[in-house]
C-alpha atoms as a PDB file:
ATOM      1  CA  MET A   1       0.001  -0.009   0.007  1.00  0.00           C
ATOM      2  CA  ASN A   2       2.749   2.417  -0.956  1.00  0.00           C
ATOM      3  CA  GLN A   3       0.805   4.892  -2.968  1.00  0.00           C
ATOM      4  CA  ASN A   4       2.063   8.395  -3.589  1.00  0.00           C
ATOM      5  CA  ILE A   5      -0.660  10.789  -2.618  1.00  0.00           C
ATOM      6  CA  VAL A   6      -0.185  14.208  -4.114  1.00  0.00           C
ATOM      7  CA  VAL A   7      -1.613  17.162  -2.202  1.00  0.00           C
ATOM      8  CA  ASN A   8      -1.617  20.637  -3.665  1.00  0.00           C
ATOM      9  CA  GLY A   9       0.924  22.765  -1.766  1.00  0.00           C
ATOM     10  CA  LEU A  10      -1.305  25.805  -1.896  1.00  0.00           C
ATOM     11  CA  SER A  11      -4.083  23.923  -0.077  1.00  0.00           C
ATOM     12  CA  VAL A  12      -1.610  22.974   2.632  1.00  0.00           C
ATOM     13  CA  LEU A  13      -0.554  26.614   2.975  1.00  0.00           C
ATOM     14  CA  LEU A  14      -4.181  27.762   3.209  1.00  0.00           C
ATOM     15  CA  LEU A  15      -4.948  25.094   5.806  1.00  0.00           C
ATOM     16  CA  ARG A  16      -1.929  26.215   7.854  1.00  0.00           C
ATOM     17  CA  ILE A  17      -2.900  29.903   7.644  1.00  0.00           C
ATOM     18  CA  LEU A  18      -6.543  29.261   8.604  1.00  0.00           C
ATOM     19  CA  LEU A  19      -5.626  26.855  11.381  1.00  0.00           C
ATOM     20  CA  SER A  20      -3.004  29.148  12.888  1.00  0.00           C
ATOM     21  CA  GLY A  21      -5.465  32.052  13.050  1.00  0.00           C
ATOM     22  CA  ILE A  22      -7.405  30.595  15.960  1.00  0.00           C
ATOM     23  CA  PHE A  23      -4.281  29.988  18.010  1.00  0.00           C
ATOM     24  CA  ILE A  24      -2.916  33.487  17.399  1.00  0.00           C
ATOM     25  CA  ASN A  25      -6.313  35.037  18.213  1.00  0.00           C
ATOM     26  CA  VAL A  26      -6.748  33.001  21.416  1.00  0.00           C
ATOM     27  CA  GLY A  27      -3.148  33.678  22.461  1.00  0.00           C
ATOM     28  CA  ILE A  28      -3.696  37.418  22.155  1.00  0.00           C
ATOM     29  CA  SER A  29      -7.003  37.158  23.948  1.00  0.00           C
ATOM     30  CA  HIS A  30      -5.425  35.201  26.838  1.00  0.00           C
ATOM     31  CA  LEU A  31      -2.750  37.893  27.220  1.00  0.00           C
ATOM     32  CA  LEU A  32      -5.119  40.853  26.993  1.00  0.00           C
ATOM     33  CA  TYR A  33      -7.934  39.501  29.146  1.00  0.00           C
ATOM     34  CA  THR A  34      -6.131  37.436  31.797  1.00  0.00           C
ATOM     35  CA  ASP A  35      -8.847  38.126  34.381  1.00  0.00           C
ATOM     36  CA  LYS A  36     -11.549  36.708  32.124  1.00  0.00           C
ATOM     37  CA  VAL A  37      -9.409  33.666  31.323  1.00  0.00           C
ATOM     38  CA  SER A  38      -8.711  33.167  35.035  1.00  0.00           C
ATOM     39  CA  ASN A  39     -12.422  33.384  35.858  1.00  0.00           C
ATOM     40  CA  ARG A  40     -13.305  30.939  33.103  1.00  0.00           C
ATOM     41  CA  ILE A  41     -10.748  28.470  34.414  1.00  0.00           C
ATOM     42  CA  GLN A  42     -11.966  28.808  37.995  1.00  0.00           C
ATOM     43  CA  ASN A  43     -15.599  28.350  36.930  1.00  0.00           C
ATOM     44  CA  ALA A  44     -14.958  25.462  34.529  1.00  0.00           C
ATOM     45  CA  PRO A  45     -16.543  22.110  35.216  1.00  0.00           C
ATOM     46  CA  ASN A  46     -13.060  20.555  35.577  1.00  0.00           C
ATOM     47  CA  ALA A  47     -11.488  23.389  37.544  1.00  0.00           C
ATOM     48  CA  ALA A  48      -9.919  20.880  39.963  1.00  0.00           C
ATOM     49  CA  PHE A  49      -7.824  19.503  37.090  1.00  0.00           C
ATOM     50  CA  ALA A  50      -6.606  23.054  36.329  1.00  0.00           C
ATOM     51  CA  GLN A  51      -5.401  23.424  39.916  1.00  0.00           C
ATOM     52  CA  LEU A  52      -2.879  20.664  39.234  1.00  0.00           C
ATOM     53  CA  PHE A  53      -1.134  23.088  36.865  1.00  0.00           C
ATOM     54  CA  GLY A  54      -1.074  26.089  39.139  1.00  0.00           C
ATOM     55  CA  ASN A  55      -2.533  29.602  39.505  1.00  0.00           C
ATOM     56  CA  PRO A  56      -5.347  30.229  36.952  1.00  0.00           C
ATOM     57  CA  GLU A  57      -4.047  33.713  36.116  1.00  0.00           C
ATOM     58  CA  LEU A  58      -0.521  32.418  35.526  1.00  0.00           C
ATOM     59  CA  LEU A  59      -1.956  29.569  33.432  1.00  0.00           C
ATOM     60  CA  GLY A  60      -3.763  32.114  31.251  1.00  0.00           C
ATOM     61  CA  ILE A  61      -0.589  34.125  30.711  1.00  0.00           C
ATOM     62  CA  LEU A  62       1.583  31.071  30.032  1.00  0.00           C
ATOM     63  CA  SER A  63      -0.895  29.387  27.714  1.00  0.00           C
ATOM     64  CA  GLY A  64      -1.528  32.678  25.918  1.00  0.00           C
ATOM     65  CA  SER A  65       2.191  33.231  25.365  1.00  0.00           C
ATOM     66  CA  VAL A  66       2.724  29.679  24.113  1.00  0.00           C
ATOM     67  CA  LEU A  67      -0.325  29.808  21.837  1.00  0.00           C
ATOM     68  CA  LEU A  68       0.748  33.150  20.379  1.00  0.00           C
ATOM     69  CA  ILE A  69       4.419  32.172  19.780  1.00  0.00           C
ATOM     70  CA  ALA A  70       3.687  28.682  18.463  1.00  0.00           C
ATOM     71  CA  GLY A  71       0.760  30.029  16.388  1.00  0.00           C
ATOM     72  CA  ILE A  72       2.976  32.619  14.707  1.00  0.00           C
ATOM     73  CA  SER A  73       5.702  30.016  14.152  1.00  0.00           C
ATOM     74  CA  PHE A  74       3.118  27.683  12.655  1.00  0.00           C
ATOM     75  CA  LEU A  75       1.720  30.460  10.441  1.00  0.00           C
ATOM     76  CA  LEU A  76       5.128  31.421   9.123  1.00  0.00           C
ATOM     77  CA  GLY A  77       6.182  27.844   8.531  1.00  0.00           C
ATOM     78  CA  VAL A  78       9.003  27.786  11.061  1.00  0.00           C
ATOM     79  CA  PHE A  79       9.464  24.279  12.537  1.00  0.00           C
ATOM     80  CA  ILE A  80       5.977  23.284  11.437  1.00  0.00           C
ATOM     81  CA  ARG A  81       5.906  19.886  13.089  1.00  0.00           C
ATOM     82  CA  TRP A  82       7.281  21.216  16.375  1.00  0.00           C
ATOM     83  CA  SER A  83       4.953  24.182  16.538  1.00  0.00           C
ATOM     84  CA  ALA A  84       1.962  21.970  15.689  1.00  0.00           C
ATOM     85  CA  LEU A  85       3.026  19.537  18.421  1.00  0.00           C
ATOM     86  CA  VAL A  86       3.327  22.343  20.974  1.00  0.00           C
ATOM     87  CA  LEU A  87      -0.116  23.667  20.023  1.00  0.00           C
ATOM     88  CA  PHE A  88      -1.543  20.155  20.237  1.00  0.00           C
ATOM     89  CA  LEU A  89      -0.051  19.653  23.730  1.00  0.00           C
ATOM     90  CA  VAL A  90      -1.338  23.011  25.005  1.00  0.00           C
ATOM     91  CA  LEU A  91      -4.789  22.290  23.569  1.00  0.00           C
ATOM     92  CA  ILE A  92      -5.150  19.015  25.512  1.00  0.00           C
ATOM     93  CA  PRO A  93      -5.472  20.512  29.042  1.00  0.00           C
ATOM     94  CA  ILE A  94      -7.549  23.443  27.688  1.00  0.00           C
ATOM     95  CA  THR A  95      -9.986  20.967  26.170  1.00  0.00           C
ATOM     96  CA  ILE A  96     -10.120  18.832  29.330  1.00  0.00           C
ATOM     97  CA  ILE A  97     -10.518  21.788  31.692  1.00  0.00           C
ATOM     98  CA  ILE A  98     -12.897  23.994  29.716  1.00  0.00           C
ATOM     99  CA  GLN A  99     -14.682  21.848  27.105  1.00  0.00           C
ATOM    100  CA  VAL A 100     -15.053  18.245  28.259  1.00  0.00           C
ATOM    101  CA  GLY A 101     -17.090  19.101  31.338  1.00  0.00           C
ATOM    102  CA  ASN A 102     -19.696  20.852  29.211  1.00  0.00           C
ATOM    103  CA  GLY A 103     -20.700  17.565  27.539  1.00  0.00           C
ATOM    104  CA  TRP A 104     -19.870  15.621  24.416  1.00  0.00           C
ATOM    105  CA  LEU A 105     -22.512  17.438  22.348  1.00  0.00           C
ATOM    106  CA  HIS A 106     -21.062  20.855  23.169  1.00  0.00           C
ATOM    107  CA  GLY A 107     -20.009  22.670  19.966  1.00  0.00           C
ATOM    108  CA  PRO A 108     -16.701  24.148  21.213  1.00  0.00           C
ATOM    109  CA  PHE A 109     -15.566  20.662  22.236  1.00  0.00           C
ATOM    110  CA  TRP A 110     -15.943  19.470  18.651  1.00  0.00           C
ATOM    111  CA  LYS A 111     -14.168  22.605  17.427  1.00  0.00           C
ATOM    112  CA  ASN A 112     -11.212  21.522  19.504  1.00  0.00           C
ATOM    113  CA  VAL A 113     -11.464  18.005  18.109  1.00  0.00           C
ATOM    114  CA  ALA A 114     -11.276  19.485  14.615  1.00  0.00           C
ATOM    115  CA  LEU A 115      -8.263  21.545  15.667  1.00  0.00           C
ATOM    116  CA  PHE A 116      -6.606  18.357  16.930  1.00  0.00           C
ATOM    117  CA  GLY A 117      -7.236  16.795  13.524  1.00  0.00           C
ATOM    118  CA  GLY A 118      -5.724  19.736  11.654  1.00  0.00           C
ATOM    119  CA  LEU A 119      -2.672  19.766  13.897  1.00  0.00           C
ATOM    120  CA  LEU A 120      -2.259  16.006  13.532  1.00  0.00           C
ATOM    121  CA  PHE A 121      -2.109  16.473   9.749  1.00  0.00           C
ATOM    122  CA  PHE A 122       0.964  18.708  10.177  1.00  0.00           C
ATOM    123  CA  ILE A 123       2.554  16.575  12.888  1.00  0.00           C
ATOM    124  CA  ILE A 124       2.256  13.389  10.878  1.00  0.00           C
ATOM    125  CA  ASN A 125       3.082  14.767   7.420  1.00  0.00           C
ATOM    126  CA  ASN A 126       5.357  17.747   8.182  1.00  0.00           C
ATOM    127  CA  PRO A 127       4.774  19.339   4.770  1.00  0.00           C
ATOM    128  CA  LYS A 128       7.584  21.495   3.468  1.00  0.00           C
ATOM    129  CA  GLU A 129       5.556  23.572   0.999  1.00  0.00           C
ATOM    130  CA  TYR A 130       5.621  27.336   1.553  1.00  0.00           C
ATOM    131  CA  THR A 131       7.735  27.298   4.688  1.00  0.00           C
ATOM    132  CA  LEU A 132      10.346  29.740   5.951  1.00  0.00           C
ATOM    133  CA  TYR A 133      12.375  27.198   7.908  1.00  0.00           C
ATOM    134  CA  ASN A 134      11.561  23.506   8.188  1.00  0.00           C
ATOM    135  CA  PRO A 135      14.785  21.492   8.112  1.00  0.00           C
ATOM    136  CA  SER A 136      14.184  17.817   7.382  1.00  0.00           C
ATOM    137  CA  SER A 137      17.106  16.713   9.570  1.00  0.00           C
ATOM    138  CA  LEU A 138      15.369  17.963  12.717  1.00  0.00           C
ATOM    139  CA  THR A 139      11.765  17.238  11.959  1.00  0.00           C
ATOM    140  CA  SER A 140      11.529  14.142   9.767  1.00  0.00           C
END
C-alpha cells in the first residue's frame, strides 16, 4: 500500500494559515484578558484539574504566550511539526478543563477535536511547501 498521494501545496498553505489564526487570536485574547481567562478556568466544570497546573491567572498568561508564539511560528512555517506539536499539547489541558465538562454534544468541544485533527495532519506529514524554515534533519 505504498501509494504516492499528491496534495496541492497551496491547499496545505491555506490550511496552515486558517488553522493558525485561531491559536494566534486565542493567544492574544489570553494575554489581553487574563482576568476573564482566570475566571473561566476557575468556573470550569473541571477546575480541579486546572489546579494541578497552578494559579489560573498564571496559566492564562503562560498558555496565551505559548499559543501566540507557536501560532505565529506555525503560520510562518518555522518548525511546522514542532509548533503543531506544541499547540496540540497546550490544547489538551484546555480541552479537558474547559470543554469536556460541558458535555460531548457541546459545539466548542468538537471545534477543539477538529483543531486536533488539523494539527495532527501537520505533525504526521510535516509538509515543506511554503515554509520559511523547516529542516528535514530535525523534523523528519
